N, C-alpha and C. Protein backbone atom coordinates (compact mmCIF):
# COMPACT_ATOMS: atom_id res chain seq x y z
N MET A 1 27.89 161.23 96.71
CA MET A 1 27.41 160.02 97.09
C MET A 1 28.85 159.29 96.82
N GLN A 2 29.88 159.93 96.93
CA GLN A 2 31.19 158.80 96.94
C GLN A 2 30.99 158.12 98.69
N ALA A 3 30.64 159.56 99.47
CA ALA A 3 30.75 158.99 101.13
C ALA A 3 29.44 157.76 101.06
N LEU A 4 28.06 157.94 100.94
CA LEU A 4 27.34 156.41 100.69
C LEU A 4 27.77 155.26 100.50
N TYR A 5 28.77 155.42 99.29
CA TYR A 5 28.93 154.23 98.72
C TYR A 5 30.33 153.66 99.67
N ALA A 6 31.30 154.37 100.00
CA ALA A 6 32.44 153.88 101.02
C ALA A 6 31.72 153.57 102.45
N TRP A 7 30.65 153.97 102.58
CA TRP A 7 30.10 153.64 103.94
C TRP A 7 29.21 152.24 103.65
N GLU A 8 28.84 152.03 102.39
CA GLU A 8 27.91 150.59 101.71
C GLU A 8 28.97 149.60 102.39
N VAL A 9 30.38 149.90 102.08
CA VAL A 9 31.36 149.04 101.85
C VAL A 9 31.91 148.77 102.80
N ASP A 10 32.38 149.89 103.71
CA ASP A 10 32.66 149.62 105.27
C ASP A 10 31.97 150.49 106.12
N LYS A 11 30.71 150.04 107.10
CA LYS A 11 29.88 150.79 107.61
C LYS A 11 30.58 151.10 108.90
N THR A 12 32.37 151.25 109.11
CA THR A 12 32.70 151.74 110.21
C THR A 12 32.87 153.35 110.03
N GLN A 13 32.89 154.01 108.30
CA GLN A 13 33.03 155.09 108.33
C GLN A 13 31.72 155.90 108.29
N THR A 14 31.97 157.28 108.22
CA THR A 14 31.28 158.06 108.80
C THR A 14 30.51 158.90 107.20
N ILE A 15 29.25 158.95 107.27
CA ILE A 15 28.71 159.88 106.08
C ILE A 15 28.74 161.14 106.88
N SER A 16 29.42 162.20 105.97
CA SER A 16 29.50 163.44 106.48
C SER A 16 27.81 164.13 106.44
N GLU A 17 27.35 164.19 105.72
CA GLU A 17 25.87 164.76 105.52
C GLU A 17 24.30 163.65 106.13
N ILE A 18 24.62 162.54 105.53
CA ILE A 18 23.95 161.55 105.71
C ILE A 18 23.63 161.04 106.83
N THR A 19 22.94 161.08 107.83
CA THR A 19 23.15 160.26 108.90
C THR A 19 22.59 158.68 108.65
N PRO A 20 22.48 158.07 109.64
CA PRO A 20 22.23 156.12 109.43
C PRO A 20 20.62 156.56 109.46
N LEU A 21 19.95 157.47 110.03
CA LEU A 21 18.77 157.57 110.67
C LEU A 21 18.01 157.44 108.93
N GLN A 22 18.66 158.82 108.13
CA GLN A 22 18.29 158.87 106.66
C GLN A 22 18.56 157.73 105.78
N VAL A 23 19.82 157.08 105.75
CA VAL A 23 19.94 156.11 105.20
C VAL A 23 18.73 155.04 105.33
N GLU A 24 18.24 154.67 106.46
CA GLU A 24 17.28 153.66 107.21
C GLU A 24 15.95 154.29 106.65
N ILE A 25 15.38 155.42 106.60
CA ILE A 25 14.16 155.94 105.45
C ILE A 25 14.85 155.97 104.08
N SER A 26 15.41 156.11 103.80
CA SER A 26 15.81 155.97 102.17
C SER A 26 15.82 154.63 101.84
N ASP A 27 16.26 153.58 102.64
CA ASP A 27 16.15 152.25 102.31
C ASP A 27 14.68 151.87 102.49
N LYS A 28 14.01 151.82 103.40
CA LYS A 28 12.33 152.26 103.37
C LYS A 28 11.46 152.42 102.13
N SER A 29 12.06 153.42 101.61
CA SER A 29 11.74 153.65 100.27
C SER A 29 11.89 152.79 99.40
N ILE A 30 13.17 152.52 99.42
CA ILE A 30 13.73 151.70 98.24
C ILE A 30 13.13 150.46 98.15
N CYS A 31 12.68 149.57 99.65
CA CYS A 31 12.34 148.49 99.26
C CYS A 31 10.57 148.88 99.32
N GLN A 32 10.29 149.83 99.46
CA GLN A 32 8.82 150.05 99.06
C GLN A 32 8.52 149.87 97.38
N TYR A 33 9.45 150.50 96.67
CA TYR A 33 9.45 151.16 95.38
C TYR A 33 10.01 149.89 94.77
N ALA A 34 10.79 149.24 95.05
CA ALA A 34 11.57 148.02 94.65
C ALA A 34 11.49 146.64 95.11
N PRO A 35 10.31 146.45 95.62
CA PRO A 35 9.79 144.97 96.60
C PRO A 35 10.59 143.68 96.26
N LYS A 36 10.82 143.84 94.72
CA LYS A 36 11.18 142.57 94.69
C LYS A 36 12.83 142.40 94.44
N TRP A 37 13.25 143.40 95.11
CA TRP A 37 14.70 143.52 95.15
C TRP A 37 15.34 143.77 96.52
N PRO A 38 16.03 142.85 97.44
CA PRO A 38 16.39 143.29 98.94
C PRO A 38 17.61 144.10 98.68
N ILE A 39 17.55 145.09 99.45
CA ILE A 39 18.66 146.01 99.94
C ILE A 39 20.16 145.32 99.67
N ASP A 40 20.23 144.07 99.85
CA ASP A 40 21.44 143.33 100.06
C ASP A 40 21.83 142.55 98.52
N GLN A 41 20.88 142.92 97.44
CA GLN A 41 21.08 142.25 96.22
C GLN A 41 21.10 143.55 95.21
N ILE A 42 20.76 144.57 95.74
CA ILE A 42 20.99 145.88 94.97
C ILE A 42 22.45 146.28 94.57
N ASN A 43 22.76 146.23 93.22
CA ASN A 43 24.40 147.10 92.83
C ASN A 43 24.49 148.13 93.83
N LYS A 44 25.82 147.94 94.41
CA LYS A 44 26.35 149.07 95.43
C LYS A 44 26.23 150.18 94.71
N ILE A 45 26.70 150.17 93.81
CA ILE A 45 26.29 151.99 93.15
C ILE A 45 25.23 152.27 92.95
N ASP A 46 23.99 151.65 92.42
CA ASP A 46 22.64 151.92 92.80
C ASP A 46 22.11 152.21 93.70
N LEU A 47 22.54 151.53 94.81
CA LEU A 47 22.03 151.62 95.95
C LEU A 47 22.29 153.23 96.33
N ALA A 48 23.51 153.74 95.91
CA ALA A 48 23.97 154.71 97.13
C ALA A 48 23.14 155.75 95.88
N VAL A 49 22.89 155.28 94.82
CA VAL A 49 22.21 156.64 93.78
C VAL A 49 21.12 156.51 94.49
N LEU A 50 20.21 155.81 94.56
CA LEU A 50 18.98 155.89 95.30
C LEU A 50 19.20 155.91 96.73
N ARG A 51 19.90 155.92 97.41
CA ARG A 51 19.79 156.20 98.64
C ARG A 51 20.11 158.01 98.82
N LEU A 52 20.70 158.32 97.83
CA LEU A 52 21.29 160.07 97.60
C LEU A 52 19.53 160.67 97.02
N ALA A 53 18.89 160.15 96.01
CA ALA A 53 18.17 160.27 95.37
C ALA A 53 16.92 160.79 96.61
N PHE A 54 16.62 159.65 97.47
CA PHE A 54 15.42 159.61 98.23
C PHE A 54 15.95 160.80 99.24
N TRP A 55 17.13 160.81 99.66
CA TRP A 55 17.30 161.59 100.76
C TRP A 55 17.25 163.09 100.38
N GLU A 56 17.80 163.38 99.08
CA GLU A 56 17.32 164.60 98.28
C GLU A 56 16.28 165.36 98.14
N ILE A 57 15.27 163.89 97.46
CA ILE A 57 13.71 164.44 97.87
C ILE A 57 13.09 164.69 99.00
N SER A 58 13.14 164.17 99.94
CA SER A 58 12.85 164.54 101.41
C SER A 58 13.70 165.94 102.02
N LEU A 59 14.54 166.22 101.28
CA LEU A 59 14.91 168.23 101.91
C LEU A 59 13.94 169.23 101.16
N GLU A 60 13.31 168.52 99.95
CA GLU A 60 12.20 169.22 99.55
C GLU A 60 12.52 170.64 99.10
N LYS A 61 13.96 170.60 98.55
CA LYS A 61 14.92 171.66 98.08
C LYS A 61 14.39 171.52 96.70
N THR A 62 14.65 170.66 95.70
CA THR A 62 14.97 170.62 94.38
C THR A 62 13.51 169.56 93.64
N PRO A 63 13.42 170.26 92.85
CA PRO A 63 12.22 169.61 91.96
C PRO A 63 12.58 167.91 91.85
N PRO A 64 11.56 167.17 92.25
CA PRO A 64 11.34 165.45 92.44
C PRO A 64 12.23 165.23 90.77
N LYS A 65 11.45 165.72 89.59
CA LYS A 65 11.84 165.54 88.16
C LYS A 65 13.42 165.62 88.10
N VAL A 66 14.04 166.96 88.76
CA VAL A 66 15.20 166.90 88.36
C VAL A 66 16.46 165.94 89.38
N ILE A 67 16.02 165.73 90.17
CA ILE A 67 16.35 164.68 91.13
C ILE A 67 16.38 163.55 90.54
N ILE A 68 15.35 163.22 89.90
CA ILE A 68 15.37 161.63 89.02
C ILE A 68 16.17 161.65 87.86
N ASP A 69 15.88 162.78 87.07
CA ASP A 69 16.81 162.87 85.98
C ASP A 69 18.35 163.01 86.19
N GLU A 70 19.02 163.23 87.57
CA GLU A 70 19.88 163.33 87.42
C GLU A 70 20.70 162.03 88.08
N SER A 71 19.80 161.20 88.92
CA SER A 71 19.98 160.15 89.27
C SER A 71 20.12 159.05 88.26
N ILE A 72 19.54 159.32 87.02
CA ILE A 72 19.42 158.27 86.02
C ILE A 72 20.75 158.63 85.36
N GLU A 73 20.94 159.69 84.87
CA GLU A 73 22.18 160.51 84.18
C GLU A 73 23.55 159.68 85.24
N ILE A 74 23.50 159.89 86.69
CA ILE A 74 24.96 159.44 87.43
C ILE A 74 24.80 157.95 87.37
N ALA A 75 23.82 157.27 87.30
CA ALA A 75 23.72 155.84 87.05
C ALA A 75 24.04 155.26 85.47
N LYS A 76 23.95 156.02 84.51
CA LYS A 76 24.32 155.80 83.24
C LYS A 76 25.89 155.63 83.20
N GLU A 77 26.60 156.57 83.92
CA GLU A 77 27.75 157.15 83.91
C GLU A 77 28.93 156.19 84.86
N TYR A 78 27.90 155.82 85.97
CA TYR A 78 28.43 155.30 87.10
C TYR A 78 28.49 154.05 86.97
N GLY A 79 27.17 153.37 86.81
CA GLY A 79 26.46 151.82 87.36
C GLY A 79 26.88 150.99 86.12
N ALA A 80 26.25 149.79 86.46
CA ALA A 80 26.15 148.89 85.42
C ALA A 80 25.33 149.38 84.09
N GLU A 81 25.41 148.65 83.18
CA GLU A 81 24.40 148.47 81.71
C GLU A 81 23.27 148.55 82.04
N THR A 82 22.56 148.31 83.20
CA THR A 82 20.91 148.10 83.58
C THR A 82 20.72 149.35 84.21
N SER A 83 21.77 149.49 84.98
CA SER A 83 21.38 150.56 86.35
C SER A 83 20.73 151.87 86.08
N SER A 84 20.86 152.17 85.02
CA SER A 84 19.87 153.36 84.29
C SER A 84 18.32 152.83 84.64
N SER A 85 18.09 151.95 83.84
CA SER A 85 16.56 151.60 83.92
C SER A 85 15.84 151.32 85.14
N PHE A 86 17.31 150.60 85.97
CA PHE A 86 16.64 150.24 87.34
C PHE A 86 16.11 151.51 88.19
N ILE A 87 17.09 152.71 87.88
CA ILE A 87 16.87 153.58 89.08
C ILE A 87 15.72 154.37 88.67
N ASN A 88 15.56 154.48 87.13
CA ASN A 88 14.47 155.03 86.61
C ASN A 88 13.00 154.18 86.88
N GLY A 89 13.41 153.01 86.74
CA GLY A 89 11.83 152.23 87.25
C GLY A 89 11.42 152.39 89.10
N VAL A 90 12.40 152.62 89.97
CA VAL A 90 12.21 152.82 91.35
C VAL A 90 12.20 154.06 91.32
N LEU A 91 12.59 155.17 91.06
CA LEU A 91 12.09 156.70 91.26
C LEU A 91 10.81 157.07 90.49
N GLY A 92 10.71 156.26 89.15
CA GLY A 92 9.45 156.47 88.51
C GLY A 92 8.16 156.11 89.47
N SER A 93 8.43 154.75 89.99
CA SER A 93 7.25 154.27 90.60
C SER A 93 6.98 155.42 91.65
N TRP A 94 8.37 155.79 92.57
CA TRP A 94 8.15 156.76 93.62
C TRP A 94 7.12 157.91 93.03
N ALA A 95 7.53 158.55 91.95
CA ALA A 95 6.78 159.69 91.38
C ALA A 95 5.62 159.64 91.28
N LYS A 96 4.89 158.25 90.71
CA LYS A 96 3.52 158.22 90.54
C LYS A 96 2.85 158.43 91.51
N ASN A 97 3.50 157.84 92.64
CA ASN A 97 2.47 157.90 93.94
C ASN A 97 2.72 159.04 94.60
N ASN A 98 3.85 159.81 94.46
CA ASN A 98 3.87 160.99 95.45
C ASN A 98 3.91 162.76 94.47
N VAL A 99 3.99 162.05 93.00
CA VAL A 99 4.02 163.48 92.36
C VAL A 99 2.68 164.13 91.52
């Protein structure tokens, strides 16, 4: 997650495991499930958490519920006061359509 956050702040840095294409794919999911929030208006921590969550979901190695729960906990720890609610809403919308 630290690499995603650093990449968002300085796009010249490289992300060790997540490629720019995977970020683009994650961003499409974020736009789909948070349509009222343009990517450039989402809190950088929240954006990094969501990108990581959608990337992990795409790997299909961990149950989505676990990824969602962990993402909410990360948002509570590192995000703003409303971050966990926002993350829960976006990933919950995804889950309604995909699980």
